[in-house]
């Protein structure tokens, strides 16, 4: 059994400028998973930097409001919504609300730096 609390995960600024806490990554923990799971946060008025992953990704919005941009499409997102981001799509998300935008990032296969290109 593997249990990890969010508070145990070191926060860092990712290449796309989001504050990230990586919760699960089979490349870093002995877990039989294909995907990685991270907790991300953007303060009021912040946005991630446009980037693309070679892998698929899902954002699950825990708290806040924002605009998700994938290639030429943009959509408003808020609590309880999931967004699928296809591989190689140019993406970024901006916080358009009055509070922090908090979301989970699920990357499959698991996130690796060499799979991400910050634009």
PDB file of N, CA and C in Angstrom:
ATOM      1  N   UNK A   1       0.851  -1.178   0.000  1.00  0.00           N
ATOM      2  CA  UNK A   1       0.000   0.000   0.000  1.00  0.00           C
ATOM      3  C   UNK A   1       0.892   1.236   0.000  1.00  0.00           C
ATOM      4  N   UNK A   2       0.480   2.248  -0.749  1.00  0.00           N
ATOM      5  CA  UNK A   2       1.220   3.505  -0.818  1.00  0.00           C
ATOM      6  C   UNK A   2       0.234   4.635  -0.574  1.00  0.00           C
ATOM      7  N   UNK A   3       0.503   5.435   0.441  1.00  0.00           N
ATOM      8  CA  UNK A   3      -0.331   6.591   0.753  1.00  0.00           C
ATOM      9  C   UNK A   3       0.588   7.797   0.855  1.00  0.00           C
ATOM     10  N   UNK A   4       0.191   8.886   0.236  1.00  0.00           N
ATOM     11  CA  UNK A   4       1.013  10.098   0.274  1.00  0.00           C
ATOM     12  C   UNK A   4       0.104  11.309   0.421  1.00  0.00           C
ATOM     13  N   UNK A   5       0.338  12.100   1.426  1.00  0.00           N
ATOM     14  CA  UNK A   5      -0.438  13.322   1.654  1.00  0.00           C
ATOM     15  C   UNK A   5       0.130  14.458   0.806  1.00  0.00           C
ATOM     16  N   UNK A   6      -0.730  15.347   0.368  1.00  0.00           N
ATOM     17  CA  UNK A   6      -0.301  16.476  -0.447  1.00  0.00           C
ATOM     18  C   UNK A   6       0.789  17.288   0.248  1.00  0.00           C
ATOM     19  N   UNK A   7       0.666  17.456   1.546  1.00  0.00           N
ATOM     20  CA  UNK A   7       1.634  18.246   2.305  1.00  0.00           C
ATOM     21  C   UNK A   7       3.038  17.633   2.282  1.00  0.00           C
ATOM     22  N   UNK A   8       3.137  16.337   1.997  1.00  0.00           N
ATOM     23  CA  UNK A   8       4.432  15.663   1.909  1.00  0.00           C
ATOM     24  C   UNK A   8       5.141  15.927   0.585  1.00  0.00           C
ATOM     25  N   UNK A   9       4.423  16.482  -0.373  1.00  0.00           N
ATOM     26  CA  UNK A   9       4.962  16.708  -1.716  1.00  0.00           C
ATOM     27  C   UNK A   9       5.522  18.120  -1.820  1.00  0.00           C
ATOM     28  N   UNK A  10       6.765  18.212  -2.206  1.00  0.00           N
ATOM     29  CA  UNK A  10       7.416  19.515  -2.320  1.00  0.00           C
ATOM     30  C   UNK A  10       6.803  20.322  -3.462  1.00  0.00           C
ATOM     31  N   UNK A  11       6.499  21.587  -3.197  1.00  0.00           N
ATOM     32  CA  UNK A  11       5.961  22.457  -4.237  1.00  0.00           C
ATOM     33  C   UNK A  11       7.104  23.071  -5.028  1.00  0.00           C
ATOM     34  N   UNK A  12       6.928  23.143  -6.357  1.00  0.00           N
ATOM     35  CA  UNK A  12       7.919  23.783  -7.219  1.00  0.00           C
ATOM     36  C   UNK A  12       7.207  24.479  -8.368  1.00  0.00           C
ATOM     37  N   UNK A  13       7.903  25.373  -9.030  1.00  0.00           N
ATOM     38  CA  UNK A  13       7.352  26.059 -10.194  1.00  0.00           C
ATOM     39  C   UNK A  13       7.741  25.253 -11.428  1.00  0.00           C
ATOM     40  N   UNK A  14       6.745  24.779 -12.149  1.00  0.00           N
ATOM     41  CA  UNK A  14       6.986  23.977 -13.342  1.00  0.00           C
ATOM     42  C   UNK A  14       7.404  24.870 -14.510  1.00  0.00           C
ATOM     43  N   UNK A  15       7.861  24.236 -15.576  1.00  0.00           N
ATOM     44  CA  UNK A  15       8.265  24.969 -16.771  1.00  0.00           C
ATOM     45  C   UNK A  15       7.150  25.804 -17.367  1.00  0.00           C
ATOM     46  N   UNK A  16       5.901  25.408 -17.121  1.00  0.00           N
ATOM     47  CA  UNK A  16       4.752  26.176 -17.642  1.00  0.00           C
ATOM     48  C   UNK A  16       4.282  27.250 -16.661  1.00  0.00           C
ATOM     49  N   UNK A  17       5.027  27.459 -15.564  1.00  0.00           N
ATOM     50  CA  UNK A  17       4.785  28.514 -14.563  1.00  0.00           C
ATOM     51  C   UNK A  17       3.672  28.196 -13.566  1.00  0.00           C
ATOM     52  N   UNK A  18       3.180  26.965 -13.529  1.00  0.00           N
ATOM     53  CA  UNK A  18       2.217  26.593 -12.490  1.00  0.00           C
ATOM     54  C   UNK A  18       2.966  26.106 -11.256  1.00  0.00           C
ATOM     55  N   UNK A  19       2.329  26.275 -10.099  1.00  0.00           N
ATOM     56  CA  UNK A  19       2.884  25.709  -8.860  1.00  0.00           C
ATOM     57  C   UNK A  19       2.410  24.265  -8.783  1.00  0.00           C
ATOM     58  N   UNK A  20       3.349  23.358  -8.715  1.00  0.00           N
ATOM     59  CA  UNK A  20       3.053  21.924  -8.811  1.00  0.00           C
ATOM     60  C   UNK A  20       3.521  21.189  -7.563  1.00  0.00           C
ATOM     61  N   UNK A  21       2.746  20.209  -7.178  1.00  0.00           N
ATOM     62  CA  UNK A  21       3.154  19.203  -6.183  1.00  0.00           C
ATOM     63  C   UNK A  21       2.914  17.854  -6.852  1.00  0.00           C
ATOM     64  N   UNK A  22       3.982  17.159  -7.176  1.00  0.00           N
ATOM     65  CA  UNK A  22       3.837  15.861  -7.824  1.00  0.00           C
ATOM     66  C   UNK A  22       3.491  14.824  -6.764  1.00  0.00           C
ATOM     67  N   UNK A  23       2.332  14.215  -6.897  1.00  0.00           N
ATOM     68  CA  UNK A  23       1.833  13.273  -5.899  1.00  0.00           C
ATOM     69  C   UNK A  23       2.297  11.861  -6.214  1.00  0.00           C
ATOM     70  N   UNK A  24       2.075  11.421  -7.445  1.00  0.00           N
ATOM     71  CA  UNK A  24       2.449  10.073  -7.866  1.00  0.00           C
ATOM     72  C   UNK A  24       3.160  10.123  -9.205  1.00  0.00           C
ATOM     73  N   UNK A  25       4.269   9.421  -9.300  1.00  0.00           N
ATOM     74  CA  UNK A  25       4.954   9.254 -10.581  1.00  0.00           C
ATOM     75  C   UNK A  25       5.729   7.943 -10.501  1.00  0.00           C
ATOM     76  N   UNK A  26       5.357   6.939 -11.295  1.00  0.00           N
ATOM     77  CA  UNK A  26       6.015   5.635 -11.211  1.00  0.00           C
ATOM     78  C   UNK A  26       7.503   5.687 -11.557  1.00  0.00           C
ATOM     79  N   UNK A  27       7.953   6.785 -12.130  1.00  0.00           N
ATOM     80  CA  UNK A  27       9.387   6.946 -12.399  1.00  0.00           C
ATOM     81  C   UNK A  27      10.143   7.345 -11.129  1.00  0.00           C
ATOM     82  N   UNK A  28       9.399   7.779 -10.105  1.00  0.00           N
ATOM     83  CA  UNK A  28      10.014   8.230  -8.849  1.00  0.00           C
ATOM     84  C   UNK A  28       9.647   7.366  -7.660  1.00  0.00           C
ATOM     85  N   UNK A  29       8.561   6.609  -7.777  1.00  0.00           N
ATOM     86  CA  UNK A  29       8.124   5.706  -6.716  1.00  0.00           C
ATOM     87  C   UNK A  29       7.920   4.321  -7.325  1.00  0.00           C
ATOM     88  N   UNK A  30       8.108   3.317  -6.539  1.00  0.00           N
ATOM     89  CA  UNK A  30       7.929   1.942  -7.020  1.00  0.00           C
ATOM     90  C   UNK A  30       6.442   1.611  -7.072  1.00  0.00           C
ATOM     91  N   UNK A  31       5.775   2.129  -8.097  1.00  0.00           N
ATOM     92  CA  UNK A  31       4.337   1.939  -8.267  1.00  0.00           C
ATOM     93  C   UNK A  31       4.063   1.340  -9.639  1.00  0.00           C
ATOM     94  N   UNK A  32       3.100   0.458  -9.713  1.00  0.00           N
ATOM     95  CA  UNK A  32       2.724  -0.163 -10.967  1.00  0.00           C
ATOM     96  C   UNK A  32       1.636   0.682 -11.627  1.00  0.00           C
ATOM     97  N   UNK A  33       2.037   1.852 -12.147  1.00  0.00           N
ATOM     98  CA  UNK A  33       1.128   2.809 -12.786  1.00  0.00           C
ATOM     99  C   UNK A  33       1.670   3.186 -14.149  1.00  0.00           C
ATOM    100  N   UNK A  34       0.778   3.537 -15.058  1.00  0.00           N
ATOM    101  CA  UNK A  34       1.201   4.116 -16.336  1.00  0.00           C
ATOM    102  C   UNK A  34       1.227   5.651 -16.253  1.00  0.00           C
ATOM    103  N   UNK A  35       0.397   6.205 -15.391  1.00  0.00           N
ATOM    104  CA  UNK A  35       0.189   7.651 -15.354  1.00  0.00           C
ATOM    105  C   UNK A  35       0.894   8.299 -14.169  1.00  0.00           C
ATOM    106  N   UNK A  36       0.979   9.630 -14.217  1.00  0.00           N
ATOM    107  CA  UNK A  36       1.433  10.410 -13.072  1.00  0.00           C
ATOM    108  C   UNK A  36       0.292  11.328 -12.647  1.00  0.00           C
ATOM    109  N   UNK A  37       0.349  11.749 -11.381  1.00  0.00           N
ATOM    110  CA  UNK A  37      -0.692  12.602 -10.814  1.00  0.00           C
ATOM    111  C   UNK A  37      -0.022  13.761 -10.091  1.00  0.00           C
ATOM    112  N   UNK A  38      -0.432  14.983 -10.450  1.00  0.00           N
ATOM    113  CA  UNK A  38       0.120  16.180  -9.807  1.00  0.00           C
ATOM    114  C   UNK A  38      -1.018  17.116  -9.419  1.00  0.00           C
ATOM    115  N   UNK A  39      -0.754  17.928  -8.405  1.00  0.00           N
ATOM    116  CA  UNK A  39      -1.664  18.957  -7.912  1.00  0.00           C
ATOM    117  C   UNK A  39      -1.085  20.290  -8.389  1.00  0.00           C
ATOM    118  N   UNK A  40      -1.906  21.096  -9.066  1.00  0.00           N
ATOM    119  CA  UNK A  40      -1.423  22.360  -9.628  1.00  0.00           C
ATOM    120  C   UNK A  40      -2.246  23.526  -9.104  1.00  0.00           C
ATOM    121  N   UNK A  41      -1.606  24.696  -9.093  1.00  0.00           N
ATOM    122  CA  UNK A  41      -2.275  25.886  -8.566  1.00  0.00           C
ATOM    123  C   UNK A  41      -1.795  27.123  -9.312  1.00  0.00           C
ATOM    124  N   UNK A  42      -2.762  27.992  -9.638  1.00  0.00           N
ATOM    125  CA  UNK A  42      -2.475  29.310 -10.198  1.00  0.00           C
ATOM    126  C   UNK A  42      -3.231  30.341  -9.368  1.00  0.00           C
ATOM    127  N   UNK A  43      -2.552  31.362  -8.918  1.00  0.00           N
ATOM    128  CA  UNK A  43      -3.194  32.430  -8.156  1.00  0.00           C
ATOM    129  C   UNK A  43      -4.037  33.304  -9.072  1.00  0.00           C
ATOM    130  N   UNK A  44      -4.870  34.131  -8.475  1.00  0.00           N
ATOM    131  CA  UNK A  44      -5.726  35.064  -9.214  1.00  0.00           C
ATOM    132  C   UNK A  44      -4.882  35.824 -10.236  1.00  0.00           C
ATOM    133  N   UNK A  45      -5.345  35.856 -11.491  1.00  0.00           N
ATOM    134  CA  UNK A  45      -4.669  36.612 -12.543  1.00  0.00           C
ATOM    135  C   UNK A  45      -3.512  35.892 -13.215  1.00  0.00           C
ATOM    136  N   UNK A  46      -3.101  34.737 -12.711  1.00  0.00           N
ATOM    137  CA  UNK A  46      -1.977  34.007 -13.299  1.00  0.00           C
ATOM    138  C   UNK A  46      -2.446  33.093 -14.420  1.00  0.00           C
ATOM    139  N   UNK A  47      -1.515  32.731 -15.292  1.00  0.00           N
ATOM    140  CA  UNK A  47      -1.780  31.785 -16.377  1.00  0.00           C
ATOM    141  C   UNK A  47      -0.541  30.930 -16.578  1.00  0.00           C
ATOM    142  N   UNK A  48      -0.774  29.715 -17.031  1.00  0.00           N
ATOM    143  CA  UNK A  48       0.372  28.874 -17.385  1.00  0.00           C
ATOM    144  C   UNK A  48       0.911  29.351 -18.733  1.00  0.00           C
ATOM    145  N   UNK A  49       2.139  28.973 -19.005  1.00  0.00           N
ATOM    146  CA  UNK A  49       2.797  29.318 -20.263  1.00  0.00           C
ATOM    147  C   UNK A  49       2.365  28.281 -21.315  1.00  0.00           C
ATOM    148  N   UNK A  50       2.083  28.706 -22.536  1.00  0.00           N
ATOM    149  CA  UNK A  50       1.737  27.725 -23.563  1.00  0.00           C
ATOM    150  C   UNK A  50       2.836  26.656 -23.670  1.00  0.00           C
ATOM    151  N   UNK A  51       2.376  25.413 -23.759  1.00  0.00           N
ATOM    152  CA  UNK A  51       3.290  24.277 -23.832  1.00  0.00           C
ATOM    153  C   UNK A  51       2.575  23.111 -24.480  1.00  0.00           C
ATOM    154  N   UNK A  52       3.321  22.064 -24.773  1.00  0.00           N
ATOM    155  CA  UNK A  52       2.708  20.853 -25.315  1.00  0.00           C
ATOM    156  C   UNK A  52       3.426  19.640 -24.743  1.00  0.00           C
ATOM    157  N   UNK A  53       2.653  18.574 -24.599  1.00  0.00           N
ATOM    158  CA  UNK A  53       3.188  17.297 -24.139  1.00  0.00           C
ATOM    159  C   UNK A  53       3.022  16.271 -25.254  1.00  0.00           C
ATOM    160  N   UNK A  54       3.974  15.368 -25.350  1.00  0.00           N
ATOM    161  CA  UNK A  54       3.843  14.260 -26.314  1.00  0.00           C
ATOM    162  C   UNK A  54       2.796  13.254 -25.852  1.00  0.00           C
ATOM    163  N   UNK A  55       2.404  13.361 -24.600  1.00  0.00           N
ATOM    164  CA  UNK A  55       1.487  12.417 -23.980  1.00  0.00           C
ATOM    165  C   UNK A  55       0.107  13.054 -23.808  1.00  0.00           C
ATOM    166  N   UNK A  56      -0.883  12.244 -23.463  1.00  0.00           N
ATOM    167  CA  UNK A  56      -2.206  12.791 -23.169  1.00  0.00           C
ATOM    168  C   UNK A  56      -2.231  13.289 -21.727  1.00  0.00           C
ATOM    169  N   UNK A  57      -3.145  14.205 -21.476  1.00  0.00           N
ATOM    170  CA  UNK A  57      -3.246  14.788 -20.140  1.00  0.00           C
ATOM    171  C   UNK A  57      -4.711  15.080 -19.837  1.00  0.00           C
ATOM    172  N   UNK A  58      -5.066  15.002 -18.566  1.00  0.00           N
ATOM    173  CA  UNK A  58      -6.386  15.385 -18.099  1.00  0.00           C
ATOM    174  C   UNK A  58      -6.194  16.368 -16.956  1.00  0.00           C
ATOM    175  N   UNK A  59      -6.918  17.485 -17.004  1.00  0.00           N
ATOM    176  CA  UNK A  59      -6.993  18.410 -15.874  1.00  0.00           C
ATOM    177  C   UNK A  59      -8.351  18.171 -15.218  1.00  0.00           C
ATOM    178  N   UNK A  60      -8.347  18.046 -13.898  1.00  0.00           N
ATOM    179  CA  UNK A  60      -9.599  17.968 -13.148  1.00  0.00           C
ATOM    180  C   UNK A  60      -9.634  19.178 -12.217  1.00  0.00           C
ATOM    181  N   UNK A  61     -10.591  20.063 -12.415  1.00  0.00           N
ATOM    182  CA  UNK A  61     -10.660  21.319 -11.666  1.00  0.00           C
ATOM    183  C   UNK A  61     -11.258  21.056 -10.280  1.00  0.00           C
ATOM    184  N   UNK A  62     -10.465  21.330  -9.253  1.00  0.00           N
ATOM    185  CA  UNK A  62     -10.902  21.159  -7.871  1.00  0.00           C
ATOM    186  C   UNK A  62     -11.573  22.414  -7.334  1.00  0.00           C
ATOM    187  N   UNK A  63     -11.019  23.584  -7.713  1.00  0.00           N
ATOM    188  CA  UNK A  63     -11.493  24.843  -7.125  1.00  0.00           C
ATOM    189  C   UNK A  63     -11.140  25.990  -8.065  1.00  0.00           C
ATOM    190  N   UNK A  64     -12.061  26.910  -8.213  1.00  0.00           N
ATOM    191  CA  UNK A  64     -11.787  28.129  -8.974  1.00  0.00           C
ATOM    192  C   UNK A  64     -12.413  28.130 -10.356  1.00  0.00           C
ATOM    193  N   UNK A  65     -12.070  29.192 -11.090  1.00  0.00           N
ATOM    194  CA  UNK A  65     -12.586  29.377 -12.448  1.00  0.00           C
ATOM    195  C   UNK A  65     -11.423  29.752 -13.354  1.00  0.00           C
ATOM    196  N   UNK A  66     -11.531  29.321 -14.595  1.00  0.00           N
ATOM    197  CA  UNK A  66     -10.470  29.662 -15.531  1.00  0.00           C
ATOM    198  C   UNK A  66     -10.901  29.478 -16.966  1.00  0.00           C
ATOM    199  N   UNK A  67      -9.968  29.743 -17.861  1.00  0.00           N
ATOM    200  CA  UNK A  67     -10.163  29.493 -19.281  1.00  0.00           C
ATOM    201  C   UNK A  67      -9.079  28.534 -19.729  1.00  0.00           C
ATOM    202  N   UNK A  68      -9.506  27.417 -20.310  1.00  0.00           N
ATOM    203  CA  UNK A  68      -8.595  26.404 -20.833  1.00  0.00           C
ATOM    204  C   UNK A  68      -8.445  26.640 -22.322  1.00  0.00           C
ATOM    205  N   UNK A  69      -7.201  26.708 -22.782  1.00  0.00           N
ATOM    206  CA  UNK A  69      -6.898  26.912 -24.194  1.00  0.00           C
ATOM    207  C   UNK A  69      -6.191  25.665 -24.714  1.00  0.00           C
ATOM    208  N   UNK A  70      -6.755  25.049 -25.747  1.00  0.00           N
ATOM    209  CA  UNK A  70      -6.150  23.888 -26.392  1.00  0.00           C
ATOM    210  C   UNK A  70      -6.172  24.158 -27.892  1.00  0.00           C
ATOM    211  N   UNK A  71      -4.977  24.280 -28.468  1.00  0.00           N
ATOM    212  CA  UNK A  71      -4.836  24.657 -29.875  1.00  0.00           C
ATOM    213  C   UNK A  71      -5.658  25.914 -30.130  1.00  0.00           C
ATOM    214  N   UNK A  72      -6.626  25.878 -31.037  1.00  0.00           N
ATOM    215  CA  UNK A  72      -7.405  27.081 -31.376  1.00  0.00           C
ATOM    216  C   UNK A  72      -8.719  27.189 -30.615  1.00  0.00           C
ATOM    217  N   UNK A  73      -8.934  26.320 -29.627  1.00  0.00           N
ATOM    218  CA  UNK A  73     -10.185  26.335 -28.865  1.00  0.00           C
ATOM    219  C   UNK A  73      -9.945  26.873 -27.456  1.00  0.00           C
ATOM    220  N   UNK A  74     -10.954  27.542 -26.927  1.00  0.00           N
ATOM    221  CA  UNK A  74     -10.928  28.041 -25.551  1.00  0.00           C
ATOM    222  C   UNK A  74     -12.275  27.750 -24.918  1.00  0.00           C
ATOM    223  N   UNK A  75     -12.261  27.353 -23.635  1.00  0.00           N
ATOM    224  CA  UNK A  75     -13.507  27.058 -22.935  1.00  0.00           C
ATOM    225  C   UNK A  75     -13.354  27.443 -21.462  1.00  0.00           C
ATOM    226  N   UNK A  76     -14.439  27.946 -20.880  1.00  0.00           N
ATOM    227  CA  UNK A  76     -14.457  28.272 -19.458  1.00  0.00           C
ATOM    228  C   UNK A  76     -14.526  26.973 -18.655  1.00  0.00           C
ATOM    229  N   UNK A  77     -13.782  26.906 -17.568  1.00  0.00           N
ATOM    230  CA  UNK A  77     -13.783  25.721 -16.705  1.00  0.00           C
ATOM    231  C   UNK A  77     -13.988  26.152 -15.259  1.00  0.00           C
ATOM    232  N   UNK A  78     -14.548  25.225 -14.458  1.00  0.00           N
ATOM    233  CA  UNK A  78     -14.760  25.505 -13.037  1.00  0.00           C
ATOM    234  C   UNK A  78     -14.844  24.188 -12.267  1.00  0.00           C
ATOM    235  N   UNK A  79     -15.057  24.313 -10.972  1.00  0.00           N
ATOM    236  CA  UNK A  79     -15.101  23.171 -10.047  1.00  0.00           C
ATOM    237  C   UNK A  79     -15.829  21.956 -10.634  1.00  0.00           C
ATOM    238  N   UNK A  80     -15.193  20.799 -10.485  1.00  0.00           N
ATOM    239  CA  UNK A  80     -15.838  19.550 -10.848  1.00  0.00           C
ATOM    240  C   UNK A  80     -15.777  19.175 -12.319  1.00  0.00           C
ATOM    241  N   UNK A  81     -15.090  19.960 -13.138  1.00  0.00           N
ATOM    242  CA  UNK A  81     -14.999  19.641 -14.552  1.00  0.00           C
ATOM    243  C   UNK A  81     -13.655  18.992 -14.882  1.00  0.00           C
ATOM    244  N   UNK A  82     -13.697  18.086 -15.857  1.00  0.00           N
ATOM    245  CA  UNK A  82     -12.480  17.445 -16.362  1.00  0.00           C
ATOM    246  C   UNK A  82     -12.262  17.886 -17.800  1.00  0.00           C
ATOM    247  N   UNK A  83     -11.002  18.095 -18.157  1.00  0.00           N
ATOM    248  CA  UNK A  83     -10.631  18.510 -19.512  1.00  0.00           C
ATOM    249  C   UNK A  83      -9.608  17.521 -20.048  1.00  0.00           C
ATOM    250  N   UNK A  84      -9.890  16.923 -21.196  1.00  0.00           N
ATOM    251  CA  UNK A  84      -8.943  16.030 -21.861  1.00  0.00           C
ATOM    252  C   UNK A  84      -8.088  16.856 -22.820  1.00  0.00           C
ATOM    253  N   UNK A  85      -6.780  16.684 -22.733  1.00  0.00           N
ATOM    254  CA  UNK A  85      -5.837  17.398 -23.592  1.00  0.00           C
ATOM    255  C   UNK A  85      -5.103  16.356 -24.434  1.00  0.00           C
ATOM    256  N   UNK A  86      -5.383  16.312 -25.741  1.00  0.00           N
ATOM    257  CA  UNK A  86      -4.746  15.301 -26.592  1.00  0.00           C
ATOM    258  C   UNK A  86      -3.225  15.512 -26.691  1.00  0.00           C
ATOM    259  N   UNK A  87      -2.500  14.431 -26.979  1.00  0.00           N
ATOM    260  CA  UNK A  87      -1.044  14.555 -27.159  1.00  0.00           C
ATOM    261  C   UNK A  87      -0.713  15.605 -28.221  1.00  0.00           C
ATOM    262  N   UNK A  88       0.396  16.308 -27.999  1.00  0.00           N
ATOM    263  CA  UNK A  88       0.956  17.297 -28.938  1.00  0.00           C
ATOM    264  C   UNK A  88       0.099  18.531 -29.152  1.00  0.00           C
ATOM    265  N   UNK A  89      -0.894  18.752 -28.301  1.00  0.00           N
ATOM    266  CA  UNK A  89      -1.726  19.954 -28.401  1.00  0.00           C
ATOM    267  C   UNK A  89      -1.035  21.112 -27.673  1.00  0.00           C
ATOM    268  N   UNK A  90      -1.111  22.292 -28.264  1.00  0.00           N
ATOM    269  CA  UNK A  90      -0.616  23.490 -27.568  1.00  0.00           C
ATOM    270  C   UNK A  90      -1.675  23.862 -26.549  1.00  0.00           C
ATOM    271  N   UNK A  91      -1.271  23.990 -25.297  1.00  0.00           N
ATOM    272  CA  UNK A  91      -2.229  24.211 -24.223  1.00  0.00           C
ATOM    273  C   UNK A  91      -1.723  25.228 -23.211  1.00  0.00           C
ATOM    274  N   UNK A  92      -2.657  25.901 -22.600  1.00  0.00           N
ATOM    275  CA  UNK A  92      -2.385  26.677 -21.389  1.00  0.00           C
ATOM    276  C   UNK A  92      -3.721  26.969 -20.720  1.00  0.00           C
ATOM    277  N   UNK A  93      -3.655  27.304 -19.442  1.00  0.00           N
ATOM    278  CA  UNK A  93      -4.860  27.604 -18.673  1.00  0.00           C
ATOM    279  C   UNK A  93      -4.630  28.902 -17.924  1.00  0.00           C
ATOM    280  N   UNK A  94      -5.666  29.715 -17.841  1.00  0.00           N
ATOM    281  CA  UNK A  94      -5.550  30.980 -17.113  1.00  0.00           C
ATOM    282  C   UNK A  94      -6.608  31.061 -16.031  1.00  0.00           C
ATOM    283  N   UNK A  95      -6.232  31.627 -14.915  1.00  0.00           N
ATOM    284  CA  UNK A  95      -7.155  31.834 -13.807  1.00  0.00           C
ATOM    285  C   UNK A  95      -7.930  33.124 -14.077  1.00  0.00           C
ATOM    286  N   UNK A  96      -9.227  32.998 -14.260  1.00  0.00           N
ATOM    287  CA  UNK A  96     -10.077  34.165 -14.527  1.00  0.00           C
ATOM    288  C   UNK A  96     -10.983  34.484 -13.336  1.00  0.00           C
ATOM    289  N   UNK A  97     -10.800  33.748 -12.249  1.00  0.00           N
ATOM    290  CA  UNK A  97     -11.652  33.926 -11.083  1.00  0.00           C
ATOM    291  C   UNK A  97     -11.049  34.853 -10.044  1.00  0.00           C
ATOM    292  N   UNK A  98     -11.713  34.933  -8.921  1.00  0.00           N
ATOM    293  CA  UNK A  98     -11.288  35.798  -7.812  1.00  0.00           C
ATOM    294  C   UNK A  98     -10.459  35.050  -6.774  1.00  0.00           C
ATOM    295  N   UNK A  99     -10.353  33.732  -6.912  1.00  0.00           N
ATOM    296  CA  UNK A  99      -9.599  32.902  -5.970  1.00  0.00           C
ATOM    297  C   UNK A  99      -8.604  32.051  -6.748  1.00  0.00           C
ATOM    298  N   UNK A 100      -7.807  31.287  -6.034  1.00  0.00           N
ATOM    299  CA  UNK A 100      -6.847  30.391  -6.685  1.00  0.00           C
ATOM    300  C   UNK A 100      -7.578  29.378  -7.561  1.00  0.00           C
ATOM    301  N   UNK A 101      -6.959  29.045  -8.676  1.00  0.00           N
ATOM    302  CA  UNK A 101      -7.427  27.969  -9.545  1.00  0.00           C
ATOM    303  C   UNK A 101      -6.594  26.743  -9.193  1.00  0.00           C
ATOM    304  N   UNK A 102      -7.251  25.691  -8.711  1.00  0.00           N
ATOM    305  CA  UNK A 102      -6.572  24.494  -8.224  1.00  0.00           C
ATOM    306  C   UNK A 102      -7.083  23.307  -9.028  1.00  0.00           C
ATOM    307  N   UNK A 103      -6.153  22.498  -9.533  1.00  0.00           N
ATOM    308  CA  UNK A 103      -6.568  21.365 -10.368  1.00  0.00           C
ATOM    309  C   UNK A 103      -5.558  20.228 -10.278  1.00  0.00           C
ATOM    310  N   UNK A 104      -6.043  19.036 -10.615  1.00  0.00           N
ATOM    311  CA  UNK A 104      -5.195  17.861 -10.706  1.00  0.00           C
ATOM    312  C   UNK A 104      -4.784  17.676 -12.151  1.00  0.00           C
ATOM    313  N   UNK A 105      -3.556  17.203 -12.362  1.00  0.00           N
ATOM    314  CA  UNK A 105      -3.043  16.894 -13.698  1.00  0.00           C
ATOM    315  C   UNK A 105      -2.723  15.408 -13.737  1.00  0.00           C
ATOM    316  N   UNK A 106      -3.352  14.709 -14.644  1.00  0.00           N
ATOM    317  CA  UNK A 106      -3.088  13.289 -14.840  1.00  0.00           C
ATOM    318  C   UNK A 106      -2.445  13.158 -16.217  1.00  0.00           C
ATOM    319  N   UNK A 107      -1.223  12.636 -16.258  1.00  0.00           N
ATOM    320  CA  UNK A 107      -0.484  12.497 -17.506  1.00  0.00           C
ATOM    321  C   UNK A 107      -0.260  11.015 -17.771  1.00  0.00           C
ATOM    322  N   UNK A 108      -0.598  10.585 -19.011  1.00  0.00           N
ATOM    323  CA  UNK A 108      -0.467   9.173 -19.373  1.00  0.00           C
ATOM    324  C   UNK A 108       0.139   9.047 -20.768  1.00  0.00           C
ATOM    325  N   UNK A 109       1.292   8.344 -20.875  1.00  0.00           N
ATOM    326  CA  UNK A 109       2.081   7.770 -19.797  1.00  0.00           C
ATOM    327  C   UNK A 109       2.670   8.851 -18.900  1.00  0.00           C
ATOM    328  N   UNK A 110       3.217   8.414 -17.773  1.00  0.00           N
ATOM    329  CA  UNK A 110       3.690   9.318 -16.722  1.00  0.00           C
ATOM    330  C   UNK A 110       4.576  10.442 -17.257  1.00  0.00           C
ATOM    331  N   UNK A 111       4.428  11.615 -16.647  1.00  0.00           N
ATOM    332  CA  UNK A 111       5.153  12.812 -17.057  1.00  0.00           C
ATOM    333  C   UNK A 111       6.661  12.598 -16.983  1.00  0.00           C
ATOM    334  N   UNK A 112       7.335  13.086 -18.031  1.00  0.00           N
ATOM    335  CA  UNK A 112       8.800  13.158 -18.085  1.00  0.00           C
ATOM    336  C   UNK A 112       9.153  14.502 -18.704  1.00  0.00           C
ATOM    337  N   UNK A 113      10.215  15.122 -18.227  1.00  0.00           N
ATOM    338  CA  UNK A 113      10.629  16.432 -18.737  1.00  0.00           C
ATOM    339  C   UNK A 113      10.846  16.413 -20.245  1.00  0.00           C
ATOM    340  N   UNK A 114      11.409  15.332 -20.766  1.00  0.00           N
ATOM    341  CA  UNK A 114      11.702  15.272 -22.200  1.00  0.00           C
ATOM    342  C   UNK A 114      10.445  15.157 -23.076  1.00  0.00           C
ATOM    343  N   UNK A 115       9.284  14.935 -22.468  1.00  0.00           N
ATOM    344  CA  UNK A 115       8.025  14.875 -23.208  1.00  0.00           C
ATOM    345  C   UNK A 115       7.314  16.221 -23.269  1.00  0.00           C
ATOM    346  N   UNK A 116       7.887  17.229 -22.619  1.00  0.00           N
ATOM    347  CA  UNK A 116       7.231  18.545 -22.552  1.00  0.00           C
ATOM    348  C   UNK A 116       8.059  19.585 -23.281  1.00  0.00           C
ATOM    349  N   UNK A 117       7.363  20.423 -24.064  1.00  0.00           N
ATOM    350  CA  UNK A 117       8.000  21.538 -24.751  1.00  0.00           C
ATOM    351  C   UNK A 117       7.283  22.821 -24.330  1.00  0.00           C
ATOM    352  N   UNK A 118       8.016  23.719 -23.668  1.00  0.00           N
ATOM    353  CA  UNK A 118       7.456  25.013 -23.273  1.00  0.00           C
ATOM    354  C   UNK A 118       7.695  25.970 -24.439  1.00  0.00           C
ATOM    355  N   UNK A 119       6.639  26.638 -24.860  1.00  0.00           N
ATOM    356  CA  UNK A 119       6.717  27.492 -26.062  1.00  0.00           C
ATOM    357  C   UNK A 119       6.929  28.958 -25.713  1.00  0.00           C
TER     358      UNK A 119
END
